[in-house]
Amino acid sequence: MSSAEDPNVLADALGAVDVADDAPSAPVRFVDGTSTPTIEDEPADDAERDALEAFRERLAKDGVQIPRTMSANGGEPGVCLRFLRARKLKVEKALKMLRDCLAWREANDVDALLDEPLDLEEFKTNARMYPASYHGRDVLGRPVYIERTGSAKFADLVKKLGHDGFVKMHLRAMEYQSRVLLPAASADAGTLVSKMCNVIDVGELSLYDTVSHSEVLAVLRKIAQIDQDYYPENLGVTLVAHAPWSFTTAWSIVKVFLDAKTAAKFKVLGTGAAGVEKLTKVLGEGKVPAFLGGTCACAGGCVCCDPRVGETPDVLTTEQVQYARFAARRRRGIGDGEVAGSNTGGGAKAVE
């Protein structure tokens, strides 16, 4: 393992970013019979092993079934362990959290969010107001999501989509991460990759636009609650780049929406060469976008409306097109929520 891939070196470079927690801590095994092999999570120690056994006994006793749409990455034990870890291995609390999640998914038809591709033209319009893109993987093999938060027109997009539409936009991305990007990353790495690496560029952040609109605050609060309650243990780290003085005020308001564990995974990087060095330690050499001070210059931009190239004729990046065109074929009668891939844009495949 090179020094750049060593979790301890990364933690030192980022001022104790919780990177070691994201590195696989237990052996994994492949499950046969899937288009992309599912790599199962396993207990890290005896305490997790005992909690998992007790949790499974309760699930069997109560007749609770985990849909395959939730177990694409890490398998059934991965789902159990995520909820147990989120509740400090307290079986009853984890069981309630899982039951609430299953009820929420059914009530909101979450399993169907990836059934159809997005309308590309509408997606382009939304992307202009919310420039972002997936951008390969970091040195730990985690999928990377980069967002130009400072340039986003949150109020305009919330007005266009409505509160529920904005939340649905976010949920489709979360399902894509958990059912497509993370399983593909695990399969390629040959070991479990269970968390995302997010990078947000807040350099042009409008404090007024972000925190002075009640509708924007309401939707951000809703999304933060959903992520914490229904997608536990999904976030590895969020690196905050180009933070202006006003970010401190904005962050103090947004931070109250997050639990302490999630908030601790937001790391504000220094400016200039120091910030670029820290980004490089996590993303890897040559993978930091030029607009963040690095050398990566993806054709058409590293995100849509990349300030390096401006708005391109196609607007979207290759990875955004793959995301928009992705559709899962759920095969009825094989298993609740089982999916097979249909990806006209190439790249990552759907998995069971």
Protein backbone atom coordinates (compact mmCIF):
# COMPACT_ATOMS: atom_id res chain seq x y z
CA MET A 1 0.00 0.00 0.00
CA SER A 2 1.35 3.41 -0.96
CA SER A 3 1.47 6.25 1.54
CA ALA A 4 -1.36 7.98 -0.32
CA GLU A 5 -3.58 4.96 0.25
CA ASP A 6 -2.67 4.54 3.90
CA PRO A 7 -5.67 5.66 6.04
CA ASN A 8 -3.34 6.90 8.77
CA VAL A 9 -1.44 9.13 6.35
CA LEU A 10 -4.72 10.48 4.98
CA ALA A 11 -6.01 11.20 8.47
CA ASP A 12 -2.85 13.11 9.33
CA ALA A 13 -3.00 15.10 6.10
CA LEU A 14 -6.61 16.13 6.63
CA GLY A 15 -6.41 16.94 10.30
CA ALA A 16 -7.94 13.68 11.56
CA VAL A 17 -10.59 13.20 8.91
CA ASP A 18 -12.42 9.97 9.73
CA VAL A 19 -10.80 8.06 6.86
CA ALA A 20 -9.68 4.95 8.69
CA ASP A 21 -13.33 4.27 9.57
CA ASP A 22 -14.10 3.93 5.85
CA ALA A 23 -11.39 1.36 5.11
CA PRO A 24 -12.65 -2.26 5.16
CA SER A 25 -12.05 -3.75 8.61
CA ALA A 26 -13.14 -7.31 7.97
CA PRO A 27 -12.74 -9.94 5.26
CA VAL A 28 -15.49 -10.14 2.64
CA ARG A 29 -16.90 -12.89 0.43
CA PHE A 30 -18.60 -13.03 -2.96
CA VAL A 31 -22.17 -14.15 -3.39
CA ASP A 32 -22.86 -16.23 -6.49
CA GLY A 33 -25.70 -15.69 -8.89
CA THR A 34 -25.66 -11.93 -9.45
CA SER A 35 -24.72 -9.94 -12.54
CA THR A 36 -22.25 -7.93 -10.48
CA PRO A 37 -21.00 -10.02 -7.54
CA THR A 38 -22.34 -8.72 -4.24
CA ILE A 39 -19.62 -8.42 -1.63
CA GLU A 40 -21.03 -9.00 1.81
CA ASP A 41 -20.17 -7.01 4.88
CA GLU A 42 -19.04 -8.91 7.96
CA PRO A 43 -18.86 -8.06 11.66
CA ALA A 44 -15.67 -6.28 12.63
CA ASP A 45 -15.50 -7.82 16.11
CA ASP A 46 -17.30 -10.07 18.59
CA ALA A 47 -19.62 -7.28 19.72
CA GLU A 48 -20.86 -6.74 16.17
CA ARG A 49 -21.11 -10.49 15.61
CA ASP A 50 -23.30 -10.94 18.70
CA ALA A 51 -25.45 -7.94 17.80
CA LEU A 52 -25.91 -9.18 14.23
CA GLU A 53 -26.99 -12.62 15.44
CA ALA A 54 -29.52 -11.13 17.84
CA PHE A 55 -30.75 -8.71 15.20
CA ARG A 56 -31.30 -11.48 12.67
CA GLU A 57 -33.20 -13.52 15.24
CA ARG A 58 -35.54 -10.61 15.81
CA LEU A 59 -36.04 -10.08 12.08
CA ALA A 60 -36.93 -13.76 11.63
CA LYS A 61 -39.23 -13.78 14.64
CA ASP A 62 -41.07 -10.67 13.47
CA GLY A 63 -41.15 -11.74 9.82
CA VAL A 64 -39.27 -8.64 8.65
CA GLN A 65 -37.75 -9.02 5.17
CA ILE A 66 -35.07 -6.80 3.68
CA PRO A 67 -35.70 -5.94 0.00
CA ARG A 68 -32.87 -6.55 -2.42
CA THR A 69 -32.93 -2.91 -3.41
CA MET A 70 -31.43 -2.21 0.00
CA SER A 71 -28.84 -4.98 -0.02
CA ALA A 72 -27.12 -4.43 -3.37
CA ASN A 73 -23.94 -3.43 -1.54
CA GLY A 74 -22.89 -5.46 1.48
CA GLY A 75 -25.73 -7.96 1.14
CA GLU A 76 -28.26 -8.67 3.88
CA PRO A 77 -25.61 -8.52 6.64
CA GLY A 78 -24.53 -5.14 5.30
CA VAL A 79 -28.01 -3.70 5.80
CA CYS A 80 -28.23 -5.14 9.31
CA LEU A 81 -24.81 -3.89 10.29
CA ARG A 82 -25.40 -0.38 8.92
CA PHE A 83 -28.48 0.05 11.08
CA LEU A 84 -26.83 -1.57 14.09
CA ARG A 85 -23.77 0.68 13.81
CA ALA A 86 -25.98 3.74 13.46
CA ARG A 87 -27.60 2.81 16.78
CA LYS A 88 -24.40 1.76 18.57
CA LEU A 89 -25.31 -1.95 18.32
CA LYS A 90 -28.53 -1.49 20.31
CA VAL A 91 -30.72 -4.16 18.73
CA GLU A 92 -34.13 -2.73 19.63
CA LYS A 93 -33.21 0.78 18.50
CA ALA A 94 -31.73 -0.56 15.26
CA LEU A 95 -34.82 -2.66 14.65
CA LYS A 96 -37.09 0.35 15.06
CA MET A 97 -34.88 2.35 12.72
CA LEU A 98 -35.05 -0.37 10.07
CA ARG A 99 -38.82 -0.80 10.44
CA ASP A 100 -39.29 2.94 10.03
CA CYS A 101 -37.07 2.88 6.94
CA LEU A 102 -39.00 0.02 5.34
CA ALA A 103 -42.33 1.76 5.99
CA TRP A 104 -40.98 5.01 4.54
CA ARG A 105 -39.64 3.27 1.43
CA GLU A 106 -43.00 1.58 0.81
CA ALA A 107 -45.00 4.75 1.42
CA ASN A 108 -42.83 6.73 -1.00
CA ASP A 109 -42.31 3.96 -3.59
CA VAL A 110 -38.54 4.41 -3.24
CA ASP A 111 -37.78 1.08 -4.93
CA ALA A 112 -39.20 2.48 -8.17
CA LEU A 113 -37.01 5.58 -8.33
CA LEU A 114 -34.51 3.94 -10.69
CA ASP A 115 -37.07 2.20 -12.86
CA GLU A 116 -37.10 4.89 -15.51
CA PRO A 117 -34.37 7.11 -17.00
CA LEU A 118 -34.52 10.86 -16.56
CA ASP A 119 -35.56 13.27 -19.27
CA LEU A 120 -32.18 14.55 -20.48
CA GLU A 121 -33.39 18.01 -21.46
CA GLU A 122 -35.05 18.60 -18.12
CA PHE A 123 -31.99 17.20 -16.35
CA LYS A 124 -29.82 19.67 -18.25
CA THR A 125 -32.03 22.55 -17.12
CA ASN A 126 -31.81 21.41 -13.51
CA ALA A 127 -28.05 20.85 -13.79
CA ARG A 128 -27.50 24.44 -14.86
CA MET A 129 -29.05 25.51 -11.56
CA TYR A 130 -27.30 22.79 -9.55
CA PRO A 131 -23.89 22.04 -11.16
CA ALA A 132 -22.50 18.73 -9.95
CA SER A 133 -21.26 15.35 -11.15
CA TYR A 134 -19.87 12.03 -10.06
CA HIS A 135 -16.14 12.03 -10.70
CA GLY A 136 -14.48 8.64 -10.54
CA ARG A 137 -13.17 7.25 -7.24
CA ASP A 138 -10.82 8.38 -4.51
CA VAL A 139 -7.69 6.61 -3.25
CA LEU A 140 -9.81 4.33 -1.04
CA GLY A 141 -11.96 3.31 -4.00
CA ARG A 142 -14.97 5.35 -2.85
CA PRO A 143 -17.15 6.96 -5.53
CA VAL A 144 -16.59 10.72 -5.65
CA TYR A 145 -19.36 13.28 -5.97
CA ILE A 146 -18.37 16.89 -6.69
CA GLU A 147 -20.81 19.77 -6.31
CA ARG A 148 -20.36 23.48 -7.01
CA THR A 149 -22.59 24.43 -4.10
CA GLY A 150 -21.52 28.04 -4.21
CA SER A 151 -22.88 28.40 -7.75
CA ALA A 152 -26.14 26.54 -7.15
CA LYS A 153 -29.39 28.47 -7.44
CA PHE A 154 -31.21 26.59 -4.70
CA ALA A 155 -34.18 28.91 -4.42
CA ASP A 156 -34.81 28.83 -8.18
CA LEU A 157 -34.58 25.04 -8.35
CA VAL A 158 -36.85 24.53 -5.34
CA LYS A 159 -39.34 26.91 -6.95
CA LYS A 160 -39.16 24.96 -10.23
CA LEU A 161 -39.39 21.45 -8.77
CA GLY A 162 -41.35 22.14 -5.61
CA HIS A 163 -40.40 20.82 -2.19
CA ASP A 164 -41.32 17.21 -2.98
CA GLY A 165 -39.70 17.33 -6.42
CA PHE A 166 -36.40 18.57 -4.99
CA VAL A 167 -36.43 15.80 -2.37
CA LYS A 168 -37.23 13.20 -5.05
CA MET A 169 -34.28 14.45 -7.12
CA HIS A 170 -32.02 13.84 -4.13
CA LEU A 171 -33.52 10.42 -3.39
CA ARG A 172 -32.90 9.14 -6.90
CA ALA A 173 -29.24 10.08 -6.50
CA MET A 174 -29.05 8.30 -3.14
CA GLU A 175 -30.57 5.15 -4.64
CA TYR A 176 -28.12 5.32 -7.56
CA GLN A 177 -25.23 5.55 -5.12
CA SER A 178 -26.35 2.65 -2.94
CA ARG A 179 -27.62 0.36 -5.73
CA VAL A 180 -25.17 1.13 -8.56
CA LEU A 181 -22.06 3.16 -7.73
CA LEU A 182 -21.10 1.53 -4.42
CA PRO A 183 -21.71 -2.08 -5.53
CA ALA A 184 -19.68 -1.46 -8.69
CA ALA A 185 -16.87 0.08 -6.63
CA SER A 186 -16.89 -2.93 -4.30
CA ALA A 187 -16.82 -5.39 -7.20
CA ASP A 188 -13.91 -3.59 -8.84
CA ALA A 189 -11.97 -3.35 -5.59
CA GLY A 190 -12.66 -6.94 -4.58
CA THR A 191 -13.48 -5.64 -1.10
CA LEU A 192 -16.39 -3.79 0.42
CA VAL A 193 -16.61 -0.08 -0.41
CA SER A 194 -19.58 1.19 1.55
CA LYS A 195 -19.26 4.98 1.72
CA MET A 196 -19.15 8.02 -0.53
CA CYS A 197 -16.59 10.80 -0.79
CA ASN A 198 -18.22 14.20 -1.40
CA VAL A 199 -16.48 17.42 -2.40
CA ILE A 200 -18.38 20.70 -2.28
CA ASP A 201 -17.04 23.95 -3.70
CA VAL A 202 -18.61 26.81 -1.73
CA GLY A 203 -16.44 29.60 -3.14
CA GLU A 204 -19.34 31.64 -4.55
CA LEU A 205 -21.87 30.69 -1.88
CA SER A 206 -24.63 33.23 -1.43
CA LEU A 207 -25.52 33.26 2.24
CA TYR A 208 -28.80 35.02 1.47
CA ASP A 209 -29.85 32.54 -1.22
CA THR A 210 -28.98 29.53 0.92
CA VAL A 211 -30.17 30.29 4.43
CA SER A 212 -32.51 33.26 4.10
CA HIS A 213 -35.18 31.45 2.08
CA SER A 214 -37.48 29.44 4.30
CA GLU A 215 -38.33 27.01 1.49
CA VAL A 216 -34.64 26.28 0.91
CA LEU A 217 -34.01 25.69 4.60
CA ALA A 218 -37.06 23.44 4.82
CA VAL A 219 -35.95 21.20 1.98
CA LEU A 220 -32.34 21.03 3.21
CA ARG A 221 -33.59 20.08 6.66
CA LYS A 222 -35.83 17.38 5.17
CA ILE A 223 -32.99 15.92 3.09
CA ALA A 224 -30.59 15.88 6.05
CA GLN A 225 -33.16 14.01 8.14
CA ILE A 226 -33.85 11.49 5.39
CA ASP A 227 -30.15 10.74 4.88
CA GLN A 228 -29.59 10.19 8.59
CA ASP A 229 -32.69 8.10 9.18
CA TYR A 230 -32.88 6.00 6.01
CA TYR A 231 -29.35 5.90 4.54
CA PRO A 232 -27.17 5.31 7.63
CA GLU A 233 -23.42 4.89 7.34
CA ASN A 234 -23.42 6.04 3.70
CA LEU A 235 -21.14 9.08 4.02
CA GLY A 236 -17.40 8.69 4.33
CA VAL A 237 -16.34 12.33 4.20
CA THR A 238 -17.45 15.67 2.77
CA LEU A 239 -14.55 17.96 1.87
CA VAL A 240 -15.44 21.65 1.80
CA ALA A 241 -13.31 23.65 -0.62
CA HIS A 242 -13.01 27.43 -1.23
CA ALA A 243 -14.95 28.29 1.92
CA PRO A 244 -15.46 32.08 2.20
CA TRP A 245 -15.90 33.91 5.50
CA SER A 246 -19.68 33.70 5.12
CA PHE A 247 -19.56 29.90 5.12
CA THR A 248 -19.00 29.91 8.87
CA THR A 249 -22.38 31.57 9.38
CA ALA A 250 -24.15 29.36 6.84
CA TRP A 251 -22.57 26.22 8.32
CA SER A 252 -23.65 27.15 11.84
CA ILE A 253 -27.25 27.16 10.59
CA VAL A 254 -27.09 24.03 8.44
CA LYS A 255 -25.09 22.08 11.04
CA VAL A 256 -28.03 21.97 13.44
CA PHE A 257 -29.83 19.68 10.97
CA LEU A 258 -27.13 17.01 11.31
CA ASP A 259 -26.31 14.56 14.05
CA ALA A 260 -22.88 14.90 15.62
CA LYS A 261 -21.40 11.91 13.77
CA THR A 262 -22.46 13.22 10.37
CA ALA A 263 -21.38 16.79 11.10
CA ALA A 264 -17.94 15.54 12.11
CA LYS A 265 -17.45 14.14 8.59
CA PHE A 266 -17.57 17.64 7.08
CA LYS A 267 -14.00 18.92 6.80
CA VAL A 268 -13.28 22.50 5.77
CA LEU A 269 -10.04 22.61 3.80
CA GLY A 270 -7.55 25.41 3.75
CA THR A 271 -7.23 27.68 0.74
CA GLY A 272 -4.45 27.76 -1.82
CA ALA A 273 -1.79 25.08 -2.09
CA ALA A 274 -2.61 23.60 1.32
CA GLY A 275 -6.20 22.91 0.31
CA VAL A 276 -5.17 21.39 -3.02
CA GLU A 277 -2.66 19.15 -1.26
CA LYS A 278 -5.34 17.83 1.08
CA LEU A 279 -7.75 17.22 -1.80
CA THR A 280 -5.02 15.36 -3.67
CA LYS A 281 -4.33 13.13 -0.67
CA VAL A 282 -7.94 11.95 -0.79
CA LEU A 283 -8.84 12.08 -4.48
CA GLY A 284 -5.46 11.02 -5.84
CA GLU A 285 -2.85 12.54 -8.12
CA GLY A 286 -4.33 14.17 -11.21
CA LYS A 287 -7.91 13.83 -9.95
CA VAL A 288 -8.46 17.26 -8.43
CA PRO A 289 -10.46 19.43 -10.89
CA ALA A 290 -8.68 22.44 -12.32
CA PHE A 291 -11.35 24.77 -10.93
CA LEU A 292 -10.36 23.53 -7.47
CA GLY A 293 -6.68 24.18 -8.14
CA GLY A 294 -5.75 20.74 -9.45
CA THR A 295 -4.78 19.40 -12.85
CA CYS A 296 -7.77 17.23 -13.83
CA ALA A 297 -9.38 18.56 -17.00
CA CYS A 298 -12.11 16.15 -18.07
CA ALA A 299 -13.39 16.65 -21.61
CA GLY A 300 -16.48 18.81 -21.26
CA GLY A 301 -15.62 19.65 -17.66
CA CYS A 302 -15.32 17.80 -14.37
CA VAL A 303 -18.84 18.99 -13.51
CA CYS A 304 -21.46 20.55 -15.75
CA CYS A 305 -20.86 24.27 -16.29
CA ASP A 306 -17.26 23.78 -15.14
CA PRO A 307 -15.84 27.32 -14.89
CA ARG A 308 -12.76 26.07 -16.74
CA VAL A 309 -14.74 25.43 -19.93
CA GLY A 310 -18.06 27.17 -19.32
CA GLU A 311 -21.31 25.64 -20.50
CA THR A 312 -20.66 23.02 -23.17
CA PRO A 313 -23.14 22.15 -25.95
CA ASP A 314 -24.03 18.92 -24.15
CA VAL A 315 -24.06 20.63 -20.70
CA LEU A 316 -23.73 17.32 -18.83
CA THR A 317 -20.59 15.34 -18.05
CA THR A 318 -20.26 11.72 -19.19
CA GLU A 319 -21.00 10.44 -15.69
CA GLN A 320 -24.08 12.64 -15.45
CA VAL A 321 -25.38 11.23 -18.73
CA GLN A 322 -24.81 7.70 -17.42
CA TYR A 323 -26.74 8.58 -14.28
CA ALA A 324 -29.62 10.19 -16.17
CA ARG A 325 -29.96 7.32 -18.64
CA PHE A 326 -29.76 4.59 -16.03
CA ALA A 327 -32.86 2.44 -15.58
CA ALA A 328 -33.24 -0.73 -13.54
CA ARG A 329 -35.38 -3.64 -14.70
CA ARG A 330 -36.98 -5.14 -11.63
CA ARG A 331 -37.66 -8.79 -12.29
CA ARG A 332 -40.88 -9.77 -10.58
CA GLY A 333 -41.19 -13.20 -9.05
CA ILE A 334 -37.46 -13.61 -8.39
CA GLY A 335 -37.18 -11.53 -5.25
CA ASP A 336 -38.66 -8.40 -3.80
CA GLY A 337 -36.94 -5.50 -5.48
CA GLU A 338 -34.39 -7.56 -7.42
CA VAL A 339 -33.00 -5.62 -10.36
CA ALA A 340 -30.99 -6.22 -13.48
CA GLY A 341 -29.07 -3.51 -15.28
CA SER A 342 -30.16 -1.47 -18.24
CA ASN A 343 -27.71 1.34 -18.80
CA THR A 344 -27.77 2.90 -22.23
CA GLY A 345 -25.08 5.36 -21.23
CA GLY A 346 -22.44 2.73 -20.48
CA GLY A 347 -20.34 2.64 -17.32
CA ALA A 348 -21.71 1.25 -14.07
CA LYS A 349 -24.23 -1.58 -14.21
CA ALA A 350 -27.24 -2.21 -12.03
CA VAL A 351 -26.81 -4.99 -9.52
CA GLU A 352 -29.03 -7.09 -7.40
